[in-house]
Amino acid sequence: MNITPADRESWQVPSYDTPLWLGRQHPWCVVIPVINEGERIRNLLARMAALNIDKMADIIIVDGGTTDGSLDLDALQQLQVRGLLLKTAPGKLSAQLRCAYAFVLDQGYEGVVTIDGNDKDDPEAIPRFIDSLKQGVDFVQASRFVAGGVAENTPASRDLAIRFIHAPMLSLFSGFKWTDTTQGFRAYSRKMLLDPKVALFRDTFTTYELLAYLSYRAPRLGYRCVELATIRRYPKGEVPTKISSVKGNLLVLSVLFKSCFGKYNPQD
């Protein structure tokens, strides 16, 4: 899956800097989007180090503009991080992910696992995600709701919205039975990310569009999709999220409807 110069020139990728890059070691990588995650990102990286994730995949952080001092380069390298990208253009999560996916595709990775940097997801599932990619799966979705999955302290409003609105709609319109569609803990094959019928690198993806869009688009294009049981724990009290309770959730619902009705599909 080589990238032609013409195809690469057509990608719309937000500008970013690369404060740290130690080179590719593995065919697979783990991308972690963050912004001001404080101790949460350090805890996640420590858990990944204890699991020796760096022995099977390169760890790359994509930063949306952290100002809390949690991404000290020396500390990151001690926790086996091989790359740090800093988005310098406007945009939220989808803009960060476009930076990261363009970078890892340029580096020749065969597949990418993405896990949120807020330490809600247990990284013990990462080896299973990579095994699925090796077996030819194109889209692996984490799920706390399938057999073997664990959901702890999930806010009731979010649990109801996922179970009765978000997942059912994407299941109906995509043709694949999803159970946990708002999760950012996923894995994608290189083939799927490069497909012009997916057309990942467009400026229309700036906030939370990519998650819903790919859950809708990948099954409809015939890509092999699976859900794997994972553990997702919310801390008691504070809910670590960048989505505001009213405006943010309305935006997520708007993105959901636009995705399901093909508003983000590339124009022929």
C-alpha atoms as a PDB file:
ATOM      1  CA  MET A   1       0.000   0.000   0.000  1.00  0.00           C
ATOM      2  CA  ASN A   2       2.387   2.660  -1.244  1.00  0.00           C
ATOM      3  CA  ILE A   3       1.344   6.302  -1.387  1.00  0.00           C
ATOM      4  CA  THR A   4       1.769   8.026  -4.730  1.00  0.00           C
ATOM      5  CA  PRO A   5       3.051  11.627  -4.722  1.00  0.00           C
ATOM      6  CA  ALA A   6      -0.212  12.769  -6.328  1.00  0.00           C
ATOM      7  CA  ASP A   7      -2.324  11.104  -3.657  1.00  0.00           C
ATOM      8  CA  ARG A   8      -0.167  12.497  -0.863  1.00  0.00           C
ATOM      9  CA  GLU A   9      -0.396  15.988  -2.334  1.00  0.00           C
ATOM     10  CA  SER A  10      -4.193  15.799  -2.202  1.00  0.00           C
ATOM     11  CA  TRP A  11      -4.334  15.108   1.560  1.00  0.00           C
ATOM     12  CA  GLN A  12      -5.633  17.903   3.764  1.00  0.00           C
ATOM     13  CA  VAL A  13      -3.561  17.582   6.926  1.00  0.00           C
ATOM     14  CA  PRO A  14      -3.471  20.204   9.706  1.00  0.00           C
ATOM     15  CA  SER A  15      -0.047  21.675  10.346  1.00  0.00           C
ATOM     16  CA  TYR A  16       1.966  20.090  13.137  1.00  0.00           C
ATOM     17  CA  ASP A  17       5.461  20.006  14.602  1.00  0.00           C
ATOM     18  CA  THR A  18       7.453  16.919  15.594  1.00  0.00           C
ATOM     19  CA  PRO A  19       9.266  17.649  18.899  1.00  0.00           C
ATOM     20  CA  LEU A  20      10.232  13.977  19.247  1.00  0.00           C
ATOM     21  CA  TRP A  21      10.748  11.221  16.696  1.00  0.00           C
ATOM     22  CA  LEU A  22      13.082   8.293  17.282  1.00  0.00           C
ATOM     23  CA  GLY A  23      12.153   6.384  14.133  1.00  0.00           C
ATOM     24  CA  ARG A  24       9.984   3.375  13.320  1.00  0.00           C
ATOM     25  CA  GLN A  25      10.838   0.080  15.009  1.00  0.00           C
ATOM     26  CA  HIS A  26       7.689  -2.008  14.474  1.00  0.00           C
ATOM     27  CA  PRO A  27       5.046  -2.502  11.749  1.00  0.00           C
ATOM     28  CA  TRP A  28       2.389  -1.309  14.227  1.00  0.00           C
ATOM     29  CA  CYS A  29       1.990   1.807  16.336  1.00  0.00           C
ATOM     30  CA  VAL A  30      -0.183   3.116  19.161  1.00  0.00           C
ATOM     31  CA  VAL A  31      -1.411   6.696  18.736  1.00  0.00           C
ATOM     32  CA  ILE A  32      -2.506   8.567  21.856  1.00  0.00           C
ATOM     33  CA  PRO A  33      -4.337  11.903  21.382  1.00  0.00           C
ATOM     34  CA  VAL A  34      -3.961  14.209  24.397  1.00  0.00           C
ATOM     35  CA  ILE A  35      -4.497  17.729  25.611  1.00  0.00           C
ATOM     36  CA  ASN A  36      -3.772  18.669  29.233  1.00  0.00           C
ATOM     37  CA  GLU A  37      -4.218  15.157  30.620  1.00  0.00           C
ATOM     38  CA  GLY A  38      -1.828  15.701  33.530  1.00  0.00           C
ATOM     39  CA  GLU A  39      -1.204  12.589  35.613  1.00  0.00           C
ATOM     40  CA  ARG A  40      -3.677  10.598  33.526  1.00  0.00           C
ATOM     41  CA  ILE A  41      -1.372  10.356  30.519  1.00  0.00           C
ATOM     42  CA  ARG A  42       1.589   9.496  32.730  1.00  0.00           C
ATOM     43  CA  ASN A  43      -0.437   6.748  34.426  1.00  0.00           C
ATOM     44  CA  LEU A  44      -1.488   5.335  31.056  1.00  0.00           C
ATOM     45  CA  LEU A  45       2.082   5.314  29.765  1.00  0.00           C
ATOM     46  CA  ALA A  46       3.310   3.635  32.945  1.00  0.00           C
ATOM     47  CA  ARG A  47       0.676   0.912  32.545  1.00  0.00           C
ATOM     48  CA  MET A  48       1.710   0.424  28.917  1.00  0.00           C
ATOM     49  CA  ALA A  49       5.366   0.202  29.935  1.00  0.00           C
ATOM     50  CA  ALA A  50       4.513  -2.474  32.523  1.00  0.00           C
ATOM     51  CA  LEU A  51       2.788  -4.445  29.736  1.00  0.00           C
ATOM     52  CA  ASN A  52       5.823  -4.060  27.420  1.00  0.00           C
ATOM     53  CA  ILE A  53       3.657  -2.547  24.703  1.00  0.00           C
ATOM     54  CA  ASP A  54       6.775  -0.921  23.247  1.00  0.00           C
ATOM     55  CA  LYS A  55       8.090  -4.397  22.388  1.00  0.00           C
ATOM     56  CA  MET A  56       5.266  -4.896  19.857  1.00  0.00           C
ATOM     57  CA  ALA A  57       4.315  -1.370  18.739  1.00  0.00           C
ATOM     58  CA  ASP A  58       5.769   2.133  18.605  1.00  0.00           C
ATOM     59  CA  ILE A  59       4.075   4.632  20.942  1.00  0.00           C
ATOM     60  CA  ILE A  60       3.269   8.027  19.418  1.00  0.00           C
ATOM     61  CA  ILE A  61       1.505  10.900  21.193  1.00  0.00           C
ATOM     62  CA  VAL A  62      -0.369  13.568  19.239  1.00  0.00           C
ATOM     63  CA  ASP A  63      -0.839  16.713  21.316  1.00  0.00           C
ATOM     64  CA  GLY A  64      -3.606  19.222  20.748  1.00  0.00           C
ATOM     65  CA  GLY A  65      -1.828  21.991  22.662  1.00  0.00           C
ATOM     66  CA  THR A  66      -0.970  20.820  26.176  1.00  0.00           C
ATOM     67  CA  THR A  67       0.091  23.528  28.629  1.00  0.00           C
ATOM     68  CA  ASP A  68       0.172  21.570  31.908  1.00  0.00           C
ATOM     69  CA  GLY A  69       3.743  20.287  31.645  1.00  0.00           C
ATOM     70  CA  SER A  70       2.716  16.636  31.414  1.00  0.00           C
ATOM     71  CA  LEU A  71       4.595  15.976  28.160  1.00  0.00           C
ATOM     72  CA  ASP A  72       8.190  16.507  29.244  1.00  0.00           C
ATOM     73  CA  LEU A  73      10.324  14.901  26.536  1.00  0.00           C
ATOM     74  CA  ASP A  74      12.764  13.191  28.898  1.00  0.00           C
ATOM     75  CA  ALA A  75       9.922  11.701  30.911  1.00  0.00           C
ATOM     76  CA  LEU A  76       8.175  10.514  27.755  1.00  0.00           C
ATOM     77  CA  GLN A  77      11.288   8.754  26.514  1.00  0.00           C
ATOM     78  CA  GLN A  78      11.715   7.032  29.868  1.00  0.00           C
ATOM     79  CA  LEU A  79       8.190   5.658  29.354  1.00  0.00           C
ATOM     80  CA  GLN A  80       9.142   4.292  25.888  1.00  0.00           C
ATOM     81  CA  VAL A  81       7.403   6.971  23.802  1.00  0.00           C
ATOM     82  CA  ARG A  82       9.030   7.161  20.359  1.00  0.00           C
ATOM     83  CA  GLY A  83       7.169  10.104  18.904  1.00  0.00           C
ATOM     84  CA  LEU A  84       5.451  13.337  19.932  1.00  0.00           C
ATOM     85  CA  LEU A  85       3.487  15.356  17.393  1.00  0.00           C
ATOM     86  CA  LEU A  86       2.179  18.825  18.244  1.00  0.00           C
ATOM     87  CA  LYS A  87      -0.792  20.071  16.222  1.00  0.00           C
ATOM     88  CA  THR A  88      -0.312  23.777  15.464  1.00  0.00           C
ATOM     89  CA  ALA A  89      -3.471  24.320  13.390  1.00  0.00           C
ATOM     90  CA  PRO A  90      -7.035  24.855  14.676  1.00  0.00           C
ATOM     91  CA  GLY A  91      -9.335  21.933  15.357  1.00  0.00           C
ATOM     92  CA  LYS A  92     -10.058  19.295  17.976  1.00  0.00           C
ATOM     93  CA  LEU A  93      -9.865  15.510  18.058  1.00  0.00           C
ATOM     94  CA  SER A  94     -10.403  14.760  14.354  1.00  0.00           C
ATOM     95  CA  ALA A  95      -7.770  17.326  13.403  1.00  0.00           C
ATOM     96  CA  GLN A  96      -5.312  15.700  15.834  1.00  0.00           C
ATOM     97  CA  LEU A  97      -6.064  12.272  14.403  1.00  0.00           C
ATOM     98  CA  ARG A  98      -5.531  13.455  10.826  1.00  0.00           C
ATOM     99  CA  CYS A  99      -2.081  14.716  11.831  1.00  0.00           C
ATOM    100  CA  ALA A 100      -1.237  11.404  13.475  1.00  0.00           C
ATOM    101  CA  TYR A 101      -2.623   9.158  10.735  1.00  0.00           C
ATOM    102  CA  ALA A 102      -0.851  11.106   7.999  1.00  0.00           C
ATOM    103  CA  PHE A 103       2.394  10.825   9.938  1.00  0.00           C
ATOM    104  CA  VAL A 104       2.151   7.084  10.609  1.00  0.00           C
ATOM    105  CA  LEU A 105       1.127   6.321   7.032  1.00  0.00           C
ATOM    106  CA  ASP A 106       4.085   8.350   5.772  1.00  0.00           C
ATOM    107  CA  GLN A 107       6.311   6.277   8.074  1.00  0.00           C
ATOM    108  CA  GLY A 108       5.041   3.031   6.547  1.00  0.00           C
ATOM    109  CA  TYR A 109       3.111   1.509   9.457  1.00  0.00           C
ATOM    110  CA  GLU A 110       0.840  -1.402   8.549  1.00  0.00           C
ATOM    111  CA  GLY A 111      -1.773  -0.538  11.170  1.00  0.00           C
ATOM    112  CA  VAL A 112      -2.493   1.780  14.066  1.00  0.00           C
ATOM    113  CA  VAL A 113      -4.136   1.410  17.463  1.00  0.00           C
ATOM    114  CA  THR A 114      -5.633   4.582  18.949  1.00  0.00           C
ATOM    115  CA  ILE A 115      -6.306   4.908  22.675  1.00  0.00           C
ATOM    116  CA  ASP A 116      -7.438   8.012  24.553  1.00  0.00           C
ATOM    117  CA  GLY A 117      -4.866   9.654  26.789  1.00  0.00           C
ATOM    118  CA  ASN A 118      -7.197  10.087  29.770  1.00  0.00           C
ATOM    119  CA  ASP A 119      -6.444   6.650  31.278  1.00  0.00           C
ATOM    120  CA  LYS A 120     -10.039   5.379  31.196  1.00  0.00           C
ATOM    121  CA  ASP A 121      -9.194   2.419  28.919  1.00  0.00           C
ATOM    122  CA  ASP A 122      -7.145  -0.561  30.079  1.00  0.00           C
ATOM    123  CA  PRO A 123      -4.212  -0.968  27.660  1.00  0.00           C
ATOM    124  CA  GLU A 124      -4.055  -4.719  28.349  1.00  0.00           C
ATOM    125  CA  ALA A 125      -6.242  -5.134  25.231  1.00  0.00           C
ATOM    126  CA  ILE A 126      -3.676  -3.588  22.867  1.00  0.00           C
ATOM    127  CA  PRO A 127      -1.927  -6.913  22.042  1.00  0.00           C
ATOM    128  CA  ARG A 128      -5.316  -8.386  21.042  1.00  0.00           C
ATOM    129  CA  PHE A 129      -5.976  -5.412  18.787  1.00  0.00           C
ATOM    130  CA  ILE A 130      -2.630  -5.924  17.069  1.00  0.00           C
ATOM    131  CA  ASP A 131      -3.294  -9.657  16.702  1.00  0.00           C
ATOM    132  CA  SER A 132      -6.591  -8.832  14.976  1.00  0.00           C
ATOM    133  CA  LEU A 133      -4.802  -6.525  12.534  1.00  0.00           C
ATOM    134  CA  LYS A 134      -2.287  -9.279  11.819  1.00  0.00           C
ATOM    135  CA  GLN A 135      -5.192 -11.617  11.044  1.00  0.00           C
ATOM    136  CA  GLY A 136      -6.577  -9.255   8.412  1.00  0.00           C
ATOM    137  CA  VAL A 137      -9.136  -7.269  10.380  1.00  0.00           C
ATOM    138  CA  ASP A 138      -9.418  -3.672   9.152  1.00  0.00           C
ATOM    139  CA  PHE A 139     -11.334  -2.046  12.006  1.00  0.00           C
ATOM    140  CA  VAL A 140     -11.188  -3.145  15.641  1.00  0.00           C
ATOM    141  CA  GLN A 141     -13.555  -1.388  18.033  1.00  0.00           C
ATOM    142  CA  ALA A 142     -13.216  -1.621  21.811  1.00  0.00           C
ATOM    143  CA  SER A 143     -16.431  -2.466  23.614  1.00  0.00           C
ATOM    144  CA  ARG A 144     -17.233  -2.501  27.296  1.00  0.00           C
ATOM    145  CA  PHE A 145     -20.669  -3.951  26.466  1.00  0.00           C
ATOM    146  CA  VAL A 146     -19.832  -7.260  24.748  1.00  0.00           C
ATOM    147  CA  ALA A 147     -19.210 -10.470  26.696  1.00  0.00           C
ATOM    148  CA  GLY A 148     -16.095 -10.072  28.818  1.00  0.00           C
ATOM    149  CA  GLY A 149     -16.167  -6.276  28.698  1.00  0.00           C
ATOM    150  CA  VAL A 150     -16.244  -4.128  31.830  1.00  0.00           C
ATOM    151  CA  ALA A 151     -17.915  -0.738  32.325  1.00  0.00           C
ATOM    152  CA  GLU A 152     -17.249   0.986  35.646  1.00  0.00           C
ATOM    153  CA  ASN A 153     -18.770   4.281  36.816  1.00  0.00           C
ATOM    154  CA  THR A 154     -20.040   5.176  33.334  1.00  0.00           C
ATOM    155  CA  PRO A 155     -22.249   8.278  33.698  1.00  0.00           C
ATOM    156  CA  ALA A 156     -25.868   7.186  33.345  1.00  0.00           C
ATOM    157  CA  SER A 157     -26.666   9.738  30.641  1.00  0.00           C
ATOM    158  CA  ARG A 158     -23.727   8.570  28.526  1.00  0.00           C
ATOM    159  CA  ASP A 159     -24.566   4.891  29.026  1.00  0.00           C
ATOM    160  CA  LEU A 160     -28.157   5.444  27.875  1.00  0.00           C
ATOM    161  CA  ALA A 161     -27.108   7.567  24.894  1.00  0.00           C
ATOM    162  CA  ILE A 162     -24.647   4.924  23.673  1.00  0.00           C
ATOM    163  CA  ARG A 163     -26.968   1.955  24.178  1.00  0.00           C
ATOM    164  CA  PHE A 164     -30.184   3.478  22.851  1.00  0.00           C
ATOM    165  CA  ILE A 165     -29.174   6.184  20.357  1.00  0.00           C
ATOM    166  CA  HIS A 166     -25.574   6.152  19.133  1.00  0.00           C
ATOM    167  CA  ALA A 167     -24.838   2.444  18.714  1.00  0.00           C
ATOM    168  CA  PRO A 168     -28.307   1.485  17.381  1.00  0.00           C
ATOM    169  CA  MET A 169     -28.236   4.233  14.759  1.00  0.00           C
ATOM    170  CA  LEU A 170     -24.763   3.383  13.512  1.00  0.00           C
ATOM    171  CA  SER A 171     -25.645  -0.316  13.505  1.00  0.00           C
ATOM    172  CA  LEU A 172     -28.764   0.314  11.445  1.00  0.00           C
ATOM    173  CA  PHE A 173     -27.134   2.593   8.885  1.00  0.00           C
ATOM    174  CA  SER A 174     -23.764   0.847   8.603  1.00  0.00           C
ATOM    175  CA  GLY A 175     -25.061  -2.724   8.475  1.00  0.00           C
ATOM    176  CA  PHE A 176     -22.710  -3.888  11.269  1.00  0.00           C
ATOM    177  CA  LYS A 177     -23.927  -4.503  14.806  1.00  0.00           C
ATOM    178  CA  TRP A 178     -21.969  -2.064  16.960  1.00  0.00           C
ATOM    179  CA  THR A 179     -22.356  -1.806  20.742  1.00  0.00           C
ATOM    180  CA  ASP A 180     -19.865   0.879  21.837  1.00  0.00           C
ATOM    181  CA  THR A 181     -19.524   3.485  19.102  1.00  0.00           C
ATOM    182  CA  THR A 182     -18.287   6.557  20.996  1.00  0.00           C
ATOM    183  CA  GLN A 183     -15.102   4.828  22.147  1.00  0.00           C
ATOM    184  CA  GLY A 184     -11.820   6.174  20.828  1.00  0.00           C
ATOM    185  CA  PHE A 185     -10.032   2.892  21.631  1.00  0.00           C
ATOM    186  CA  ARG A 186      -9.771   1.393  18.140  1.00  0.00           C
ATOM    187  CA  ALA A 187      -7.444  -0.069  15.530  1.00  0.00           C
ATOM    188  CA  TYR A 188      -7.339   0.479  11.770  1.00  0.00           C
ATOM    189  CA  SER A 189      -5.505  -1.195   8.924  1.00  0.00           C
ATOM    190  CA  ARG A 190      -3.301   0.776   6.560  1.00  0.00           C
ATOM    191  CA  LYS A 191      -5.437  -0.399   3.651  1.00  0.00           C
ATOM    192  CA  MET A 192      -8.594   1.131   5.107  1.00  0.00           C
ATOM    193  CA  LEU A 193      -6.973   4.418   6.069  1.00  0.00           C
ATOM    194  CA  LEU A 194      -5.594   4.863   2.544  1.00  0.00           C
ATOM    195  CA  ASP A 195      -8.796   3.974   0.697  1.00  0.00           C
ATOM    196  CA  PRO A 196      -9.913   6.919  -1.489  1.00  0.00           C
ATOM    197  CA  LYS A 197     -13.512   5.831  -0.852  1.00  0.00           C
ATOM    198  CA  VAL A 198     -12.851   6.588   2.822  1.00  0.00           C
ATOM    199  CA  ALA A 199     -10.981   9.825   2.004  1.00  0.00           C
ATOM    200  CA  LEU A 200      -9.786  10.360   5.542  1.00  0.00           C
ATOM    201  CA  PHE A 201      -7.725  13.486   4.901  1.00  0.00           C
ATOM    202  CA  ARG A 202     -10.344  16.179   4.441  1.00  0.00           C
ATOM    203  CA  ASP A 203     -10.806  19.421   6.369  1.00  0.00           C
ATOM    204  CA  THR A 204     -14.423  18.484   7.098  1.00  0.00           C
ATOM    205  CA  PHE A 205     -13.041  16.323   9.921  1.00  0.00           C
ATOM    206  CA  THR A 206     -12.131  18.764  12.694  1.00  0.00           C
ATOM    207  CA  THR A 207     -14.054  17.903  15.878  1.00  0.00           C
ATOM    208  CA  TYR A 208     -15.530  14.442  16.593  1.00  0.00           C
ATOM    209  CA  GLU A 209     -16.592  13.483  13.069  1.00  0.00           C
ATOM    210  CA  LEU A 210     -14.014  10.775  12.334  1.00  0.00           C
ATOM    211  CA  LEU A 211     -15.176   8.326  14.996  1.00  0.00           C
ATOM    212  CA  ALA A 212     -18.801   8.194  13.841  1.00  0.00           C
ATOM    213  CA  TYR A 213     -17.913   8.478  10.155  1.00  0.00           C
ATOM    214  CA  LEU A 214     -15.498   5.533  10.161  1.00  0.00           C
ATOM    215  CA  SER A 215     -17.956   3.380  12.136  1.00  0.00           C
ATOM    216  CA  TYR A 216     -20.516   4.094   9.422  1.00  0.00           C
ATOM    217  CA  ARG A 217     -18.304   4.042   6.356  1.00  0.00           C
ATOM    218  CA  ALA A 218     -16.000   1.061   6.932  1.00  0.00           C
ATOM    219  CA  PRO A 219     -18.716  -1.628   7.109  1.00  0.00           C
ATOM    220  CA  ARG A 220     -20.552  -0.162   4.130  1.00  0.00           C
ATOM    221  CA  LEU A 221     -17.378  -0.459   2.064  1.00  0.00           C
ATOM    222  CA  GLY A 222     -17.056  -4.118   3.038  1.00  0.00           C
ATOM    223  CA  TYR A 223     -14.139  -3.824   5.422  1.00  0.00           C
ATOM    224  CA  ARG A 224     -13.717  -6.527   8.041  1.00  0.00           C
ATOM    225  CA  CYS A 225     -14.819  -5.117  11.396  1.00  0.00           C
ATOM    226  CA  VAL A 226     -14.862  -6.649  14.894  1.00  0.00           C
ATOM    227  CA  GLU A 227     -15.553  -5.553  18.439  1.00  0.00           C
ATOM    228  CA  LEU A 228     -13.265  -6.771  21.225  1.00  0.00           C
ATOM    229  CA  ALA A 229     -14.093  -6.819  24.919  1.00  0.00           C
ATOM    230  CA  THR A 230     -12.234  -4.148  26.874  1.00  0.00           C
ATOM    231  CA  ILE A 231     -12.252  -2.529  30.305  1.00  0.00           C
ATOM    232  CA  ARG A 232     -13.298   1.121  30.603  1.00  0.00           C
ATOM    233  CA  ARG A 233     -13.255   2.719  34.024  1.00  0.00           C
ATOM    234  CA  TYR A 234     -14.412   6.236  34.815  1.00  0.00           C
ATOM    235  CA  PRO A 235     -12.991   7.661  38.039  1.00  0.00           C
ATOM    236  CA  LYS A 236     -15.529   8.359  40.773  1.00  0.00           C
ATOM    237  CA  GLY A 237     -16.592  11.968  40.829  1.00  0.00           C
ATOM    238  CA  GLU A 238     -14.825  13.867  38.032  1.00  0.00           C
ATOM    239  CA  VAL A 239     -15.500  12.657  34.481  1.00  0.00           C
ATOM    240  CA  PRO A 240     -12.353  13.086  32.326  1.00  0.00           C
ATOM    241  CA  THR A 241     -13.739  14.227  28.977  1.00  0.00           C
ATOM    242  CA  LYS A 242     -13.283  17.086  26.546  1.00  0.00           C
ATOM    243  CA  ILE A 243     -16.985  16.978  25.542  1.00  0.00           C
ATOM    244  CA  SER A 244     -19.076  19.589  27.378  1.00  0.00           C
ATOM    245  CA  SER A 245     -22.331  18.395  28.906  1.00  0.00           C
ATOM    246  CA  VAL A 246     -24.764  20.321  26.695  1.00  0.00           C
ATOM    247  CA  LYS A 247     -23.099  21.944  23.682  1.00  0.00           C
ATOM    248  CA  GLY A 248     -20.596  19.101  23.238  1.00  0.00           C
ATOM    249  CA  ASN A 249     -23.221  16.371  23.415  1.00  0.00           C
ATOM    250  CA  LEU A 250     -25.428  18.209  20.916  1.00  0.00           C
ATOM    251  CA  LEU A 251     -22.432  18.377  18.586  1.00  0.00           C
ATOM    252  CA  VAL A 252     -21.881  14.614  18.958  1.00  0.00           C
ATOM    253  CA  LEU A 253     -25.536  13.967  18.077  1.00  0.00           C
ATOM    254  CA  SER A 254     -25.315  16.261  15.058  1.00  0.00           C
ATOM    255  CA  VAL A 255     -22.211  14.422  13.861  1.00  0.00           C
ATOM    256  CA  LEU A 256     -23.993  11.091  14.367  1.00  0.00           C
ATOM    257  CA  PHE A 257     -26.939  12.071  12.171  1.00  0.00           C
ATOM    258  CA  LYS A 258     -24.724  13.573   9.479  1.00  0.00           C
ATOM    259  CA  SER A 259     -22.612  10.404   9.399  1.00  0.00           C
ATOM    260  CA  CYS A 260     -25.591   8.075   9.187  1.00  0.00           C
ATOM    261  CA  PHE A 261     -27.109  10.043   6.329  1.00  0.00           C
ATOM    262  CA  GLY A 262     -23.882  10.097   4.336  1.00  0.00           C
ATOM    263  CA  LYS A 263     -23.121  13.803   4.738  1.00  0.00           C
ATOM    264  CA  TYR A 264     -19.389  13.094   5.190  1.00  0.00           C
ATOM    265  CA  ASN A 265     -19.086  10.659   2.293  1.00  0.00           C
ATOM    266  CA  PRO A 266     -16.550  11.788  -0.335  1.00  0.00           C
ATOM    267  CA  GLN A 267     -18.007  13.263  -3.467  1.00  0.00           C
ATOM    268  CA  ASP A 268     -17.590  11.116  -6.583  1.00  0.00           C
END
